Protein backbone atom coordinates (compact mmCIF):
# COMPACT_ATOMS: atom_id res chain seq x y z
CA MET A 1 -89.19 -5.19 167.45
CA LYS A 2 -88.90 -2.42 164.91
CA ILE A 3 -89.09 -3.64 160.78
CA LYS A 4 -85.75 -2.51 160.30
CA ASP A 5 -84.57 -5.30 162.45
CA THR A 6 -86.85 -7.28 159.75
CA VAL A 7 -85.66 -6.07 156.51
CA HIS A 8 -82.25 -7.58 155.90
CA PHE A 9 -80.60 -5.08 153.10
CA GLN A 10 -77.44 -6.55 152.03
CA TRP A 11 -76.42 -3.29 150.71
CA TYR A 12 -72.89 -5.04 149.73
CA LYS A 13 -74.54 -7.45 147.20
CA THR A 14 -76.07 -4.55 145.14
CA LEU A 15 -72.97 -2.16 145.14
CA PHE A 16 -71.00 -5.40 143.68
CA VAL A 17 -73.90 -5.75 140.93
CA VAL A 18 -73.39 -1.77 140.41
CA VAL A 19 -69.73 -2.21 140.02
CA ILE A 20 -69.35 -4.78 137.65
CA LEU A 21 -71.79 -3.41 135.24
CA ALA A 22 -70.05 -0.27 135.27
CA ILE A 23 -66.80 -2.15 134.16
CA CYS A 24 -68.71 -4.23 131.40
CA LEU A 25 -70.39 -0.93 130.37
CA ILE A 26 -67.13 1.22 130.32
CA GLY A 27 -65.09 -1.77 128.67
CA SER A 28 -67.61 -2.40 126.42
CA ILE A 29 -67.40 1.51 125.27
CA ARG A 30 -63.54 1.47 125.00
CA TYR A 31 -63.71 -2.44 123.03
CA THR A 32 -65.84 -0.96 120.73
CA ASN A 33 -64.28 2.69 120.55
CA ALA A 34 -68.14 4.02 120.98
CA ASP A 35 -67.91 7.90 120.12
CA PHE A 36 -70.78 9.58 122.09
CA LYS A 37 -69.83 13.21 120.88
CA GLN A 38 -69.65 12.58 117.42
CA LEU A 39 -73.39 10.72 118.30
CA ALA A 40 -74.01 13.96 119.77
CA GLY A 41 -72.47 16.45 117.06
CA ASN A 42 -74.75 14.54 114.44
CA ILE A 43 -78.34 14.49 116.62
CA GLY A 44 -79.53 17.52 114.62
CA GLN A 45 -79.27 14.52 111.42
CA VAL A 46 -82.63 13.32 112.89
CA SER A 47 -84.45 16.54 112.99
CA VAL A 48 -83.47 16.71 109.11
CA PHE A 49 -84.60 13.06 108.76
CA LEU A 50 -87.67 13.17 110.19
CA ARG A 51 -88.74 16.55 108.12
CA LYS A 52 -88.44 14.48 105.13
CA LEU A 53 -90.61 11.74 106.00
CA ALA A 54 -93.34 14.66 107.39
CA ASN A 55 -94.56 14.44 104.32
CA PRO A 56 -95.58 11.41 102.67
CA ASP A 57 -96.64 10.70 98.71
CA PHE A 58 -100.04 9.88 99.53
CA LYS A 59 -100.46 9.36 95.84
CA TYR A 60 -97.91 6.21 96.04
CA LEU A 61 -100.51 4.49 97.80
CA ASN A 62 -102.61 3.00 94.91
CA ARG A 63 -99.05 1.35 93.96
CA LEU A 64 -98.71 -0.67 97.38
CA LEU A 65 -101.81 -3.06 97.49
CA ASP A 66 -100.72 -5.32 95.66
CA PRO A 67 -97.28 -5.95 97.23
CA MET A 68 -99.23 -5.43 100.98
CA VAL A 69 -101.67 -8.34 99.70
CA LYS A 70 -98.46 -10.27 98.33
CA THR A 71 -97.63 -9.84 102.30
CA LEU A 72 -100.29 -10.62 103.83
CA LYS A 73 -100.42 -13.95 101.69
CA MET A 74 -97.09 -14.93 102.46
CA SER A 75 -97.99 -14.40 106.34
CA ALA A 76 -101.10 -16.47 105.64
CA LEU A 77 -99.61 -19.46 103.78
CA GLY A 78 -96.23 -19.54 105.56
CA THR A 79 -98.18 -19.92 109.18
CA VAL A 80 -100.58 -22.60 107.92
CA LEU A 81 -97.63 -24.53 106.24
CA GLY A 82 -95.44 -23.89 109.43
CA VAL A 83 -98.24 -24.84 111.94
CA LEU A 84 -99.22 -28.20 109.73
CA LEU A 85 -95.47 -29.28 109.99
CA ALA A 86 -95.12 -28.41 113.41
CA ILE A 87 -98.34 -30.24 114.91
CA PRO A 88 -96.57 -34.00 114.40
CA PHE A 89 -93.13 -32.72 115.54
CA ALA A 90 -94.88 -31.31 118.85
CA PHE A 91 -96.91 -34.49 119.83
CA MET A 92 -93.27 -36.31 119.27
CA ALA A 93 -92.04 -34.20 121.30
CA THR A 94 -93.65 -34.73 124.34
CA THR A 95 -93.37 -37.61 126.13
CA VAL A 96 -97.24 -37.40 127.02
CA VAL A 97 -97.46 -38.85 123.84
CA THR A 98 -94.60 -40.69 122.76
CA ASP A 99 -93.64 -42.48 126.17
CA ASN A 100 -90.18 -42.52 125.41
CA PRO A 101 -87.20 -40.12 126.72
CA ILE A 102 -85.05 -40.63 124.11
CA VAL A 103 -87.75 -39.87 121.18
CA THR A 104 -88.98 -36.39 122.92
CA HIS A 105 -84.90 -35.24 123.77
CA ILE A 106 -84.09 -35.76 119.86
CA PHE A 107 -87.59 -33.68 118.78
CA ARG A 108 -86.95 -31.58 121.34
CA PHE A 109 -82.99 -30.78 120.23
CA PHE A 110 -84.17 -30.46 116.55
CA LEU A 111 -86.74 -27.98 117.60
CA ASN A 112 -84.32 -25.89 119.89
CA ILE A 113 -82.01 -25.97 116.56
CA ILE A 114 -84.71 -24.57 114.16
CA ARG A 115 -85.53 -21.90 116.88
CA THR A 116 -81.89 -20.39 117.30
CA ILE A 117 -81.85 -19.72 113.32
CA PRO A 118 -82.92 -15.46 112.90
CA ASN A 119 -85.50 -14.54 110.68
CA LEU A 120 -82.90 -12.26 108.52
CA LEU A 121 -80.33 -14.92 108.42
CA LEU A 122 -82.68 -17.45 107.25
CA ALA A 123 -84.24 -15.10 104.62
CA ALA A 124 -80.58 -14.24 103.37
CA LEU A 125 -79.78 -17.41 102.98
CA LEU A 126 -83.01 -18.84 100.95
CA VAL A 127 -82.68 -15.61 98.93
CA ALA A 128 -79.45 -16.92 97.75
CA ILE A 129 -80.72 -20.66 97.17
CA ILE A 130 -83.41 -20.16 95.89
CA GLY A 131 -83.79 -16.24 95.02
CA ILE A 132 -85.87 -13.17 95.32
CA GLY A 133 -89.68 -14.09 95.31
CA GLU A 134 -92.62 -14.56 97.31
CA ALA A 135 -91.66 -18.12 97.72
CA THR A 136 -88.69 -17.41 99.72
CA GLY A 137 -90.75 -15.33 102.06
CA VAL A 138 -93.27 -17.91 102.07
CA ILE A 139 -90.77 -20.68 102.94
CA THR A 140 -88.85 -18.48 105.81
CA ILE A 141 -92.01 -17.68 107.46
CA ALA A 142 -93.00 -21.44 107.71
CA ILE A 143 -89.79 -22.31 109.64
CA PHE A 144 -89.97 -19.50 111.40
CA THR A 145 -93.94 -20.59 112.63
CA PHE A 146 -92.86 -24.41 112.88
CA GLY A 147 -90.17 -23.02 115.59
CA VAL A 148 -92.23 -20.92 117.31
CA THR A 149 -95.89 -22.81 117.33
CA SER A 150 -94.18 -26.60 117.65
CA GLN A 151 -92.83 -25.34 121.51
CA LEU A 152 -96.21 -23.88 122.44
CA ILE A 153 -97.86 -26.68 121.22
CA PHE A 154 -95.76 -29.62 123.15
CA GLU A 155 -95.74 -27.32 126.20
CA SER A 156 -99.73 -27.21 125.80
CA ILE A 157 -99.99 -30.85 125.31
CA GLU A 158 -97.59 -31.58 128.52
CA THR A 159 -100.28 -29.62 130.66
CA ILE A 160 -103.83 -31.45 129.62
CA ASP A 161 -105.50 -34.11 131.23
CA LEU A 162 -104.03 -37.35 131.78
CA ALA A 163 -107.27 -38.82 132.21
CA PRO A 164 -108.55 -39.67 128.99
CA LEU A 165 -105.22 -40.84 127.84
CA GLU A 166 -105.30 -43.85 130.51
CA ALA A 167 -108.93 -44.22 129.51
CA ALA A 168 -107.90 -44.87 126.12
CA MET A 169 -104.88 -47.00 127.37
CA ALA A 170 -107.44 -49.04 129.39
CA VAL A 171 -109.28 -50.34 126.26
CA GLY A 172 -106.27 -51.00 123.86
CA ALA A 173 -105.54 -48.12 121.69
CA ASN A 174 -102.85 -47.75 120.71
CA LYS A 175 -100.39 -44.35 120.45
CA LEU A 176 -101.58 -43.02 117.36
CA LYS A 177 -105.13 -43.28 118.12
CA ILE A 178 -104.55 -42.00 122.36
CA ALA A 179 -103.10 -38.87 120.27
CA VAL A 180 -105.72 -38.36 117.81
CA TRP A 181 -108.96 -39.32 120.48
CA ALA A 182 -107.30 -38.19 123.79
CA VAL A 183 -104.98 -35.51 123.06
CA TRP A 184 -105.86 -33.81 120.03
CA PRO A 185 -109.30 -32.65 121.59
CA GLN A 186 -107.97 -31.59 124.50
CA VAL A 187 -105.24 -28.85 122.26
CA THR A 188 -107.58 -28.10 119.40
CA SER A 189 -108.30 -24.50 120.75
CA SER A 190 -105.23 -23.81 121.75
CA ILE A 191 -103.54 -24.75 118.09
CA LEU A 192 -105.86 -21.87 116.71
CA SER A 193 -105.01 -19.57 119.08
CA TYR A 194 -101.29 -20.29 118.13
CA THR A 195 -101.83 -19.71 114.75
CA PHE A 196 -103.56 -16.50 114.64
CA TYR A 197 -100.49 -15.68 117.23
CA ALA A 198 -98.16 -16.75 114.56
CA PHE A 199 -99.87 -15.35 112.06
CA GLU A 200 -99.08 -11.61 114.07
CA LEU A 201 -96.29 -12.49 114.28
CA ASN A 202 -95.43 -12.87 110.91
CA VAL A 203 -96.90 -10.13 109.16
CA ARG A 204 -94.51 -8.20 111.10
CA ALA A 205 -91.98 -9.70 110.06
CA SER A 206 -92.87 -10.30 106.47
CA THR A 207 -92.43 -6.85 106.05
CA VAL A 208 -88.66 -6.64 107.09
CA LEU A 209 -87.94 -9.82 105.18
CA GLY A 210 -89.21 -8.36 102.26
CA TYR A 211 -86.57 -5.35 102.84
CA VAL A 212 -83.82 -8.72 102.00
CA GLY A 213 -85.39 -9.74 99.06
CA ALA A 214 -88.24 -12.29 100.24
CA GLY A 215 -90.73 -10.66 98.57
CA GLY A 216 -94.01 -8.31 99.70
CA ILE A 217 -94.01 -4.79 100.58
CA GLY A 218 -90.47 -4.77 101.80
CA VAL A 219 -88.83 -4.58 98.80
CA LYS A 220 -90.82 -1.59 97.86
CA LEU A 221 -89.42 -0.06 101.49
CA ASN A 222 -85.97 -1.29 99.89
CA GLU A 223 -86.47 0.33 96.61
CA ALA A 224 -87.37 4.00 98.40
CA LEU A 225 -84.61 3.67 101.01
CA GLY A 226 -82.47 2.69 98.39
CA LEU A 227 -83.66 5.92 95.87
CA PHE A 228 -83.93 8.49 98.97
CA ARG A 229 -87.43 9.07 98.80
CA TYR A 230 -88.25 9.87 101.67
CA GLU A 231 -92.02 10.70 101.02
CA ARG A 232 -92.45 6.97 99.58
CA VAL A 233 -90.87 5.92 102.80
CA SER A 234 -93.09 7.69 105.10
CA ILE A 235 -96.37 6.31 103.09
CA ILE A 236 -94.99 2.70 103.22
CA ILE A 237 -94.34 2.88 106.77
CA LEU A 238 -97.71 4.44 107.86
CA PHE A 239 -99.15 2.03 105.84
CA ILE A 240 -97.34 -0.81 107.30
CA PHE A 241 -98.28 0.34 110.77
CA VAL A 242 -102.32 0.21 109.95
CA VAL A 243 -102.43 -2.94 108.40
CA VAL A 244 -100.37 -4.28 111.19
CA VAL A 245 -102.83 -2.63 113.79
CA ILE A 246 -105.76 -4.19 111.84
CA VAL A 247 -104.33 -7.79 111.70
CA ASP A 248 -103.56 -7.18 115.64
CA ALA A 249 -106.61 -6.29 116.68
CA VAL A 250 -108.73 -8.90 114.44
CA SER A 251 -106.41 -11.94 115.69
CA GLU A 252 -106.60 -10.42 119.30
CA ALA A 253 -110.63 -10.89 118.99
CA ILE A 254 -110.61 -14.29 117.42
CA ARG A 255 -107.85 -15.29 120.07
CA ARG A 256 -110.40 -14.12 122.76
CA ARG A 257 -113.21 -16.11 121.24
CA LEU A 258 -111.24 -19.22 120.91
CA LYS A 259 -110.50 -18.99 124.88
């Protein structure tokens, strides 16, 4: 038997998918009135913008230290608050702990709703309610961290060894004691790892959240862009990049040790 006899290449299915994608692409272009000729004609603006960013104002760097420290504080505090809030909800969102599918589904439904709210939308709403400042950023980051880590934690709980739980139940332990003495020790390292992972995400997110008024270095970025001070925009972007790289490297090293 030849190889070609064992390979069943259904070309018509591939052709059908390509045609459908092409129709969707053409329909989207016409529906949105996208003008690629205009885009190509303005391509020269890219080089103009890049030339403006090519001269960062390093003298402005000392005025960025305090906003960056505030950004890191926002990220750290928001991460801790979010994880602390996520732990009990995550425990309630798994049948391993509750042994009640109804309770589990209610908590998971609530967590799904939290995860569907975009960061920028949440920040904009909180700015309108609370006002501009670091407190808004902390609350936004805490809610985002709560949504992300709660799912990671309850998924980690569902993969634990059930033998300690069975032993605890055999001696008459209630659900709280089972959660504390049989479940918690098995997921502690995972929760710490998720905490540092969330901190990485939040450092990146907080720089953008500040752009909508949630405090931190994003406020400086917004001001520089509004005043067309591209030399300041350039140094702000470079500073954010360096800090994010350092935070990612440190966080990754810590998470490797936890594993």
